[in-house]
């Protein structure tokens, strides 16, 4: 119990002698006592002083203790105040009636003052533990937020520094080899790629911060999926051979945003591509894209699978796969790919899961409303 604050106890009884006895005993125990002589006075009193506990007589004229308790529990500002009923009903039914109304305990008349003090102290200790747990939860939530901000900030700094290092490195090469057009052209291309990745990091953060909504239009699904592959190859300056297995009715359309959809699928294709070791030839980097329609789980959904035969999901990141900047890749500027992809797809009413395949490699499964 907080030693710097005396507990506030509200005693409600229509018998002044009962109030006097309880008031004297409670005050001797270092508690501040407030009194009310009926239910209406009780309701009025709690608007002025929020007590730590209420001792409430059940048998009172006009508004009895049961109704008073029910009103207190229906008010969000007073519902958490523990109430101990004082009752002349010794029957089990009478006690259950009080507990059902929201009381935490009951005392039977004639009142045993020592027993009353013991029950009051028990409830005050429970309230203090409850408050401490709430404070602990708030501190834990703040700690998690701080840790998340720290992880994201550290990840952004690391990624942007690496990408800036790439730009500065190729600028130096161009300065020292400006008489070699091929080298300059190649350096410009790689610098452009690094700068685009930096722009994407900033754009991704804006997406999370603003819960960005994109205009949705009807698109031919097969064309959209093939465009995703083409864009992935162009953005990453590679020539990945993605096998397609589309089990789609003719002219199937999807309501989506092409830019957003291509970005999400591009990230999944990028993960599949980079799951292979660096020395793996292009022809051996097998990526399969499967598309089908799910109709047995409510509204029709696109199910898209990106399957690779790479190294699978590393054990140390398996449980943290969707956290910002969790990655085992050596490539820079990709640490928020899955985080952003799942955030975006969930905003659109879909889902994204990534699992290991028993025979090796990994499978990313995306669902998106049609």
Protein backbone atom coordinates (compact mmCIF):
# COMPACT_ATOMS: atom_id res chain seq x y z
CA UNK A 1 0.00 0.00 0.00
CA UNK A 2 1.28 3.49 -0.80
CA UNK A 3 2.84 4.85 2.40
CA UNK A 4 2.66 8.45 1.21
CA UNK A 5 -1.12 8.48 0.85
CA UNK A 6 -3.77 7.56 3.39
CA UNK A 7 -6.48 5.32 1.96
CA UNK A 8 -9.86 6.99 1.45
CA UNK A 9 -12.80 4.90 2.66
CA UNK A 10 -16.44 5.82 2.03
CA UNK A 11 -18.87 4.33 4.58
CA UNK A 12 -22.51 4.24 3.47
CA UNK A 13 -25.19 3.26 6.03
CA UNK A 14 -28.53 4.71 7.10
CA UNK A 15 -27.73 3.92 10.76
CA UNK A 16 -25.54 6.70 12.28
CA UNK A 17 -24.31 4.41 15.07
CA UNK A 18 -22.88 1.93 12.54
CA UNK A 19 -21.12 4.75 10.69
CA UNK A 20 -19.70 6.13 13.95
CA UNK A 21 -18.25 2.76 14.99
CA UNK A 22 -16.69 2.10 11.59
CA UNK A 23 -15.41 5.66 11.22
CA UNK A 24 -13.63 5.60 14.60
CA UNK A 25 -12.02 2.17 13.94
CA UNK A 26 -10.90 3.04 10.40
CA UNK A 27 -9.45 6.42 11.40
CA UNK A 28 -7.43 4.76 14.15
CA UNK A 29 -5.91 2.59 11.40
CA UNK A 30 -4.69 5.70 9.54
CA UNK A 31 -7.47 5.89 6.96
CA UNK A 32 -9.43 8.94 5.79
CA UNK A 33 -13.14 8.26 6.23
CA UNK A 34 -16.01 9.86 4.32
CA UNK A 35 -19.66 9.15 5.16
CA UNK A 36 -23.00 8.96 3.36
CA UNK A 37 -26.36 8.04 4.85
CA UNK A 38 -28.10 6.68 1.76
CA UNK A 39 -27.47 5.58 -1.81
CA UNK A 40 -28.04 9.00 -3.39
CA UNK A 41 -25.57 10.65 -1.02
CA UNK A 42 -23.08 7.93 -1.93
CA UNK A 43 -23.42 8.62 -5.67
CA UNK A 44 -23.03 12.33 -5.03
CA UNK A 45 -20.01 11.83 -2.77
CA UNK A 46 -18.01 9.76 -5.29
CA UNK A 47 -18.22 12.59 -7.81
CA UNK A 48 -16.35 14.81 -5.33
CA UNK A 49 -13.97 12.28 -3.80
CA UNK A 50 -12.98 9.07 -5.56
CA UNK A 51 -12.56 6.66 -2.62
CA UNK A 52 -10.17 3.73 -2.61
CA UNK A 53 -12.93 1.51 -1.21
CA UNK A 54 -16.62 1.71 -0.30
CA UNK A 55 -18.28 -0.03 2.66
CA UNK A 56 -21.91 -0.18 1.51
CA UNK A 57 -24.93 -1.25 3.53
CA UNK A 58 -27.43 -3.27 1.48
CA UNK A 59 -30.63 -2.51 3.45
CA UNK A 60 -31.32 1.22 2.99
CA UNK A 61 -34.56 3.10 2.17
CA UNK A 62 -35.27 4.62 -1.27
CA UNK A 63 -32.14 3.34 -3.06
CA UNK A 64 -30.75 0.16 -1.54
CA UNK A 65 -27.14 -0.99 -1.70
CA UNK A 66 -27.70 -3.31 -4.65
CA UNK A 67 -29.01 -0.51 -6.89
CA UNK A 68 -26.31 1.88 -5.65
CA UNK A 69 -23.63 -0.69 -6.47
CA UNK A 70 -25.08 -1.30 -9.93
CA UNK A 71 -25.04 2.43 -10.69
CA UNK A 72 -21.45 2.73 -9.53
CA UNK A 73 -20.41 -0.20 -11.71
CA UNK A 74 -22.21 1.20 -14.76
CA UNK A 75 -20.19 4.44 -14.57
CA UNK A 76 -16.71 4.14 -16.18
CA UNK A 77 -15.32 6.67 -13.68
CA UNK A 78 -16.39 4.62 -10.63
CA UNK A 79 -16.62 1.04 -11.88
CA UNK A 80 -13.14 0.12 -10.59
CA UNK A 81 -13.81 1.17 -6.97
CA UNK A 82 -13.99 -2.01 -4.83
CA UNK A 83 -17.20 -2.33 -2.82
CA UNK A 84 -17.64 -4.40 0.34
CA UNK A 85 -21.28 -4.98 1.22
CA UNK A 86 -22.51 -4.81 4.77
CA UNK A 87 -25.50 -7.13 4.98
CA UNK A 88 -27.87 -8.52 7.56
CA UNK A 89 -28.63 -11.39 5.19
CA UNK A 90 -26.67 -14.42 6.31
CA UNK A 91 -28.11 -16.67 3.62
CA UNK A 92 -26.04 -17.89 0.68
CA UNK A 93 -28.56 -16.34 -1.75
CA UNK A 94 -28.21 -12.93 -0.10
CA UNK A 95 -24.44 -13.02 -0.34
CA UNK A 96 -24.52 -14.15 -3.97
CA UNK A 97 -26.91 -11.31 -4.79
CA UNK A 98 -24.34 -8.82 -3.52
CA UNK A 99 -21.43 -10.44 -5.36
CA UNK A 100 -23.46 -10.60 -8.57
CA UNK A 101 -24.09 -6.85 -8.31
CA UNK A 102 -20.34 -6.26 -8.43
CA UNK A 103 -19.16 -6.33 -4.81
CA UNK A 104 -15.74 -7.81 -4.06
CA UNK A 105 -16.61 -8.99 -0.54
CA UNK A 106 -19.28 -8.83 2.16
CA UNK A 107 -19.49 -8.36 5.92
CA UNK A 108 -22.38 -9.78 7.93
CA UNK A 109 -24.08 -7.83 10.72
CA UNK A 110 -23.54 -7.56 13.62
CA UNK A 111 -20.24 -6.07 12.46
CA UNK A 112 -16.97 -7.49 13.80
CA UNK A 113 -14.68 -4.46 13.61
CA UNK A 114 -11.42 -6.43 13.56
CA UNK A 115 -12.70 -8.66 10.77
CA UNK A 116 -13.84 -5.56 8.87
CA UNK A 117 -10.38 -3.97 9.13
CA UNK A 118 -8.77 -7.20 7.89
CA UNK A 119 -11.09 -7.39 4.88
CA UNK A 120 -10.59 -3.70 4.08
CA UNK A 121 -6.80 -4.06 4.20
CA UNK A 122 -6.96 -7.13 1.94
CA UNK A 123 -8.91 -5.24 -0.71
CA UNK A 124 -6.63 -2.19 -0.46
CA UNK A 125 -3.58 -4.43 -0.97
CA UNK A 126 -5.24 -6.03 -4.00
CA UNK A 127 -6.00 -2.56 -5.42
CA UNK A 128 -2.38 -1.53 -4.93
CA UNK A 129 -1.15 -4.66 -6.71
CA UNK A 130 -3.62 -3.94 -9.52
CA UNK A 131 -2.33 -0.37 -9.88
CA UNK A 132 1.29 -1.54 -9.80
CA UNK A 133 0.52 -4.07 -12.55
CA UNK A 134 -1.05 -1.32 -14.68
CA UNK A 135 2.00 0.89 -14.16
CA UNK A 136 4.28 -2.03 -15.00
CA UNK A 137 2.34 -2.69 -18.21
CA UNK A 138 2.60 0.98 -19.16
CA UNK A 139 6.36 0.95 -18.51
CA UNK A 140 6.75 -2.24 -20.53
CA UNK A 141 4.76 -0.71 -23.39
CA UNK A 142 6.95 2.41 -23.27
CA UNK A 143 10.06 0.23 -23.21
CA UNK A 144 8.85 -1.75 -26.23
CA UNK A 145 8.07 1.46 -28.11
CA UNK A 146 11.49 2.88 -27.25
CA UNK A 147 13.18 -0.35 -28.33
CA UNK A 148 11.21 -0.42 -31.59
CA UNK A 149 12.07 3.21 -32.34
CA UNK A 150 15.70 2.49 -31.49
CA UNK A 151 15.79 -0.58 -33.73
CA UNK A 152 14.20 1.29 -36.64
CA UNK A 153 16.46 4.32 -36.16
CA UNK A 154 19.55 2.13 -35.97
CA UNK A 155 18.41 0.19 -39.02
CA UNK A 156 17.71 3.34 -41.03
CA UNK A 157 21.08 4.82 -40.08
CA UNK A 158 22.91 1.62 -40.98
CA UNK A 159 21.13 1.19 -44.30
CA UNK A 160 21.37 4.81 -45.39
CA UNK A 161 25.05 5.00 -44.40
CA UNK A 162 25.78 1.89 -46.45
CA UNK A 163 23.89 3.23 -49.43
CA UNK A 164 25.57 6.64 -49.15
CA UNK A 165 28.89 4.79 -49.02
CA UNK A 166 27.99 3.12 -52.31
CA UNK A 167 27.19 6.49 -53.91
CA UNK A 168 30.37 8.14 -52.60
CA UNK A 169 32.47 5.16 -53.72
CA UNK A 170 31.20 5.27 -57.29
CA UNK A 171 31.55 9.06 -57.37
CA UNK A 172 35.23 8.63 -56.51
CA UNK A 173 35.61 6.03 -59.25
CA UNK A 174 34.03 8.42 -61.75
CA UNK A 175 36.35 11.23 -60.67
CA UNK A 176 39.41 9.06 -61.11
CA UNK A 177 38.25 7.32 -64.27
CA UNK A 178 36.23 9.97 -66.08
CA UNK A 179 38.02 9.06 -69.31
CA UNK A 180 36.40 5.59 -69.31
CA UNK A 181 32.80 5.99 -70.61
CA UNK A 182 31.87 2.38 -69.85
CA UNK A 183 32.99 2.65 -66.23
CA UNK A 184 31.17 5.99 -65.82
CA UNK A 185 27.98 4.55 -67.30
CA UNK A 186 28.11 1.50 -65.05
CA UNK A 187 28.84 3.64 -61.98
CA UNK A 188 25.91 5.93 -62.75
CA UNK A 189 23.59 2.93 -63.01
CA UNK A 190 24.71 1.52 -59.67
CA UNK A 191 24.50 4.94 -58.02
CA UNK A 192 21.01 5.37 -59.39
CA UNK A 193 20.02 2.00 -57.91
CA UNK A 194 21.43 2.96 -54.48
CA UNK A 195 19.65 6.32 -54.51
CA UNK A 196 16.37 4.65 -55.45
CA UNK A 197 16.76 2.33 -52.48
CA UNK A 198 17.26 5.32 -50.17
CA UNK A 199 14.14 6.94 -51.59
CA UNK A 200 12.26 3.68 -51.02
CA UNK A 201 13.29 3.58 -47.34
CA UNK A 202 11.90 7.07 -46.79
CA UNK A 203 8.74 6.19 -48.74
CA UNK A 204 8.28 3.00 -46.71
CA UNK A 205 8.52 4.91 -43.45
CA UNK A 206 5.94 7.39 -44.70
CA UNK A 207 3.64 4.49 -45.56
CA UNK A 208 3.80 3.12 -42.02
CA UNK A 209 3.43 6.54 -40.38
CA UNK A 210 0.48 7.69 -42.48
CA UNK A 211 -1.34 4.38 -43.11
CA UNK A 212 -1.30 5.47 -46.71
CA UNK A 213 -4.33 4.61 -48.81
CA UNK A 214 -3.97 4.14 -52.54
CA UNK A 215 -6.57 4.45 -55.26
CA UNK A 216 -7.82 1.00 -56.24
CA UNK A 217 -8.80 0.13 -59.80
CA UNK A 218 -9.83 -3.03 -61.65
CA UNK A 219 -6.82 -4.75 -63.25
CA UNK A 220 -6.37 -7.89 -65.32
CA UNK A 221 -4.78 -10.28 -62.83
CA UNK A 222 -2.56 -12.27 -65.21
CA UNK A 223 -1.18 -9.08 -66.78
CA UNK A 224 -0.58 -7.58 -63.33
CA UNK A 225 1.42 -10.63 -62.17
CA UNK A 226 3.57 -10.65 -65.32
CA UNK A 227 4.18 -6.92 -64.87
CA UNK A 228 5.37 -7.64 -61.33
CA UNK A 229 8.04 -9.96 -62.71
CA UNK A 230 9.12 -7.49 -65.40
CA UNK A 231 9.36 -4.63 -62.91
CA UNK A 232 11.33 -6.76 -60.45
CA UNK A 233 13.90 -7.59 -63.12
CA UNK A 234 14.19 -3.96 -64.24
CA UNK A 235 14.42 -2.50 -60.72
CA UNK A 236 17.07 -5.01 -59.64
CA UNK A 237 18.93 -5.01 -63.00
CA UNK A 238 18.77 -8.80 -63.24
CA UNK A 239 17.28 -11.41 -65.55
CA UNK A 240 15.51 -13.77 -63.17
CA UNK A 241 13.60 -16.60 -64.84
CA UNK A 242 10.41 -16.86 -62.84
CA UNK A 243 8.29 -19.91 -63.57
CA UNK A 244 4.58 -19.15 -63.57
CA UNK A 245 1.77 -21.56 -62.69
CA UNK A 246 -1.47 -19.60 -62.98
CA UNK A 247 -4.67 -21.49 -62.19
CA UNK A 248 -6.95 -18.57 -62.98
CA UNK A 249 -10.23 -18.30 -64.87
CA UNK A 250 -9.94 -16.36 -68.13
CA UNK A 251 -10.03 -12.57 -67.78
CA UNK A 252 -9.86 -12.67 -63.98
CA UNK A 253 -9.67 -9.12 -62.61
CA UNK A 254 -8.53 -7.82 -59.24
CA UNK A 255 -9.30 -4.50 -57.58
CA UNK A 256 -5.89 -3.22 -56.52
CA UNK A 257 -3.33 -0.47 -56.86
CA UNK A 258 -0.77 -1.52 -59.47
CA UNK A 259 2.12 0.41 -57.91
CA UNK A 260 1.50 -0.98 -54.41
CA UNK A 261 0.88 -4.52 -55.62
CA UNK A 262 4.02 -4.58 -57.78
CA UNK A 263 6.08 -3.25 -54.86
CA UNK A 264 4.85 -5.99 -52.54
CA UNK A 265 5.38 -8.82 -55.02
CA UNK A 266 8.73 -7.32 -56.00
CA UNK A 267 9.91 -7.57 -52.39
CA UNK A 268 8.88 -11.22 -52.24
CA UNK A 269 10.66 -11.98 -55.51
CA UNK A 270 13.73 -10.13 -54.23
CA UNK A 271 13.77 -12.26 -51.07
CA UNK A 272 13.46 -15.42 -53.17
CA UNK A 273 16.31 -14.30 -55.47
CA UNK A 274 18.62 -13.43 -52.58
CA UNK A 275 17.91 -16.69 -50.74
CA UNK A 276 20.48 -18.30 -53.06
CA UNK A 277 24.20 -18.01 -52.46
CA UNK A 278 25.93 -15.22 -54.35
CA UNK A 279 27.85 -17.62 -56.55
CA UNK A 280 24.67 -19.45 -57.69
CA UNK A 281 24.26 -19.02 -61.48
CA UNK A 282 21.12 -17.27 -62.74
CA UNK A 283 19.85 -20.44 -64.38
CA UNK A 284 19.97 -22.29 -61.02
CA UNK A 285 18.10 -19.61 -59.06
CA UNK A 286 14.72 -21.28 -59.44
CA UNK A 287 11.74 -19.11 -58.49
CA UNK A 288 8.15 -20.26 -58.99
CA UNK A 289 5.09 -18.00 -58.88
CA UNK A 290 1.79 -19.81 -58.32
CA UNK A 291 -1.58 -18.04 -58.49
CA UNK A 292 -5.05 -19.39 -57.74
CA UNK A 293 -8.41 -18.22 -56.42
CA UNK A 294 -9.70 -19.20 -52.98
CA UNK A 295 -13.51 -19.33 -52.74
CA UNK A 296 -14.12 -21.49 -49.66
CA UNK A 297 -13.15 -18.89 -47.03
CA UNK A 298 -15.78 -16.21 -47.55
CA UNK A 299 -15.21 -13.57 -50.27
CA UNK A 300 -13.00 -14.67 -53.16
CA UNK A 301 -9.28 -14.16 -52.56
CA UNK A 302 -6.21 -14.27 -54.74
CA UNK A 303 -3.65 -16.70 -53.31
CA UNK A 304 -0.18 -15.95 -54.62
CA UNK A 305 2.84 -18.09 -53.73
CA UNK A 306 6.48 -17.18 -54.38
CA UNK A 307 8.56 -20.33 -53.95
CA UNK A 308 12.33 -20.70 -54.02
CA UNK A 309 14.82 -23.51 -53.49
CA UNK A 310 17.37 -21.37 -51.67
CA UNK A 311 18.83 -21.58 -48.19
CA UNK A 312 15.51 -21.22 -46.36
CA UNK A 313 14.83 -19.06 -43.32
CA UNK A 314 17.72 -18.76 -40.88
CA UNK A 315 16.81 -20.04 -37.40
CA UNK A 316 17.92 -16.80 -35.72
CA UNK A 317 15.43 -14.67 -37.68
CA UNK A 318 12.53 -17.10 -38.08
CA UNK A 319 10.50 -15.65 -35.18
CA UNK A 320 11.42 -12.04 -36.03
CA UNK A 321 10.97 -12.21 -39.78
CA UNK A 322 8.49 -9.33 -40.00
CA UNK A 323 10.33 -6.96 -37.67
CA UNK A 324 12.04 -3.92 -39.24
CA UNK A 325 15.58 -4.51 -40.55
CA UNK A 326 15.67 -8.18 -39.56
CA UNK A 327 17.69 -9.77 -42.33
CA UNK A 328 20.56 -12.16 -43.01
CA UNK A 329 21.22 -10.74 -46.45
CA UNK A 330 24.35 -8.83 -47.35
CA UNK A 331 22.42 -6.48 -49.63
CA UNK A 332 21.69 -3.07 -48.12
CA UNK A 333 18.48 -1.07 -48.14
CA UNK A 334 16.13 -4.09 -47.96
CA UNK A 335 15.67 -4.46 -44.22
CA UNK A 336 12.05 -3.26 -44.16
CA UNK A 337 10.80 -5.22 -47.15
CA UNK A 338 8.69 -7.85 -45.38
CA UNK A 339 7.63 -5.41 -42.64
CA UNK A 340 6.17 -3.00 -45.20
CA UNK A 341 4.73 -5.77 -47.37
CA UNK A 342 2.71 -7.34 -44.57
CA UNK A 343 1.65 -3.95 -43.16
CA UNK A 344 0.34 -2.89 -46.57
CA UNK A 345 -1.37 -6.16 -47.46
CA UNK A 346 -3.15 -6.26 -44.09
CA UNK A 347 -4.44 -2.73 -44.64
CA UNK A 348 -5.98 -4.03 -47.87
CA UNK A 349 -7.68 -6.94 -46.09
CA UNK A 350 -5.16 -9.64 -47.04
CA UNK A 351 -2.38 -11.53 -45.30
CA UNK A 352 1.25 -12.50 -45.83
CA UNK A 353 3.02 -15.55 -44.43
CA UNK A 354 6.50 -16.93 -45.04
CA UNK A 355 7.34 -20.55 -44.21
CA UNK A 356 10.19 -23.03 -44.70
CA UNK A 357 9.63 -25.89 -47.16
CA UNK A 358 10.50 -29.39 -45.92
CA UNK A 359 12.42 -30.14 -49.13
CA UNK A 360 14.42 -26.89 -48.83
CA UNK A 361 13.86 -23.24 -49.62
CA UNK A 362 10.99 -21.05 -48.53
CA UNK A 363 7.48 -20.17 -49.62
CA UNK A 364 5.83 -16.75 -49.27
CA UNK A 365 2.04 -16.92 -49.44
CA UNK A 366 0.07 -13.76 -50.08
CA UNK A 367 -3.71 -13.45 -50.04
CA UNK A 368 -5.45 -10.39 -51.49
CA UNK A 369 -9.18 -9.70 -51.88
CA UNK A 370 -10.36 -9.81 -55.47
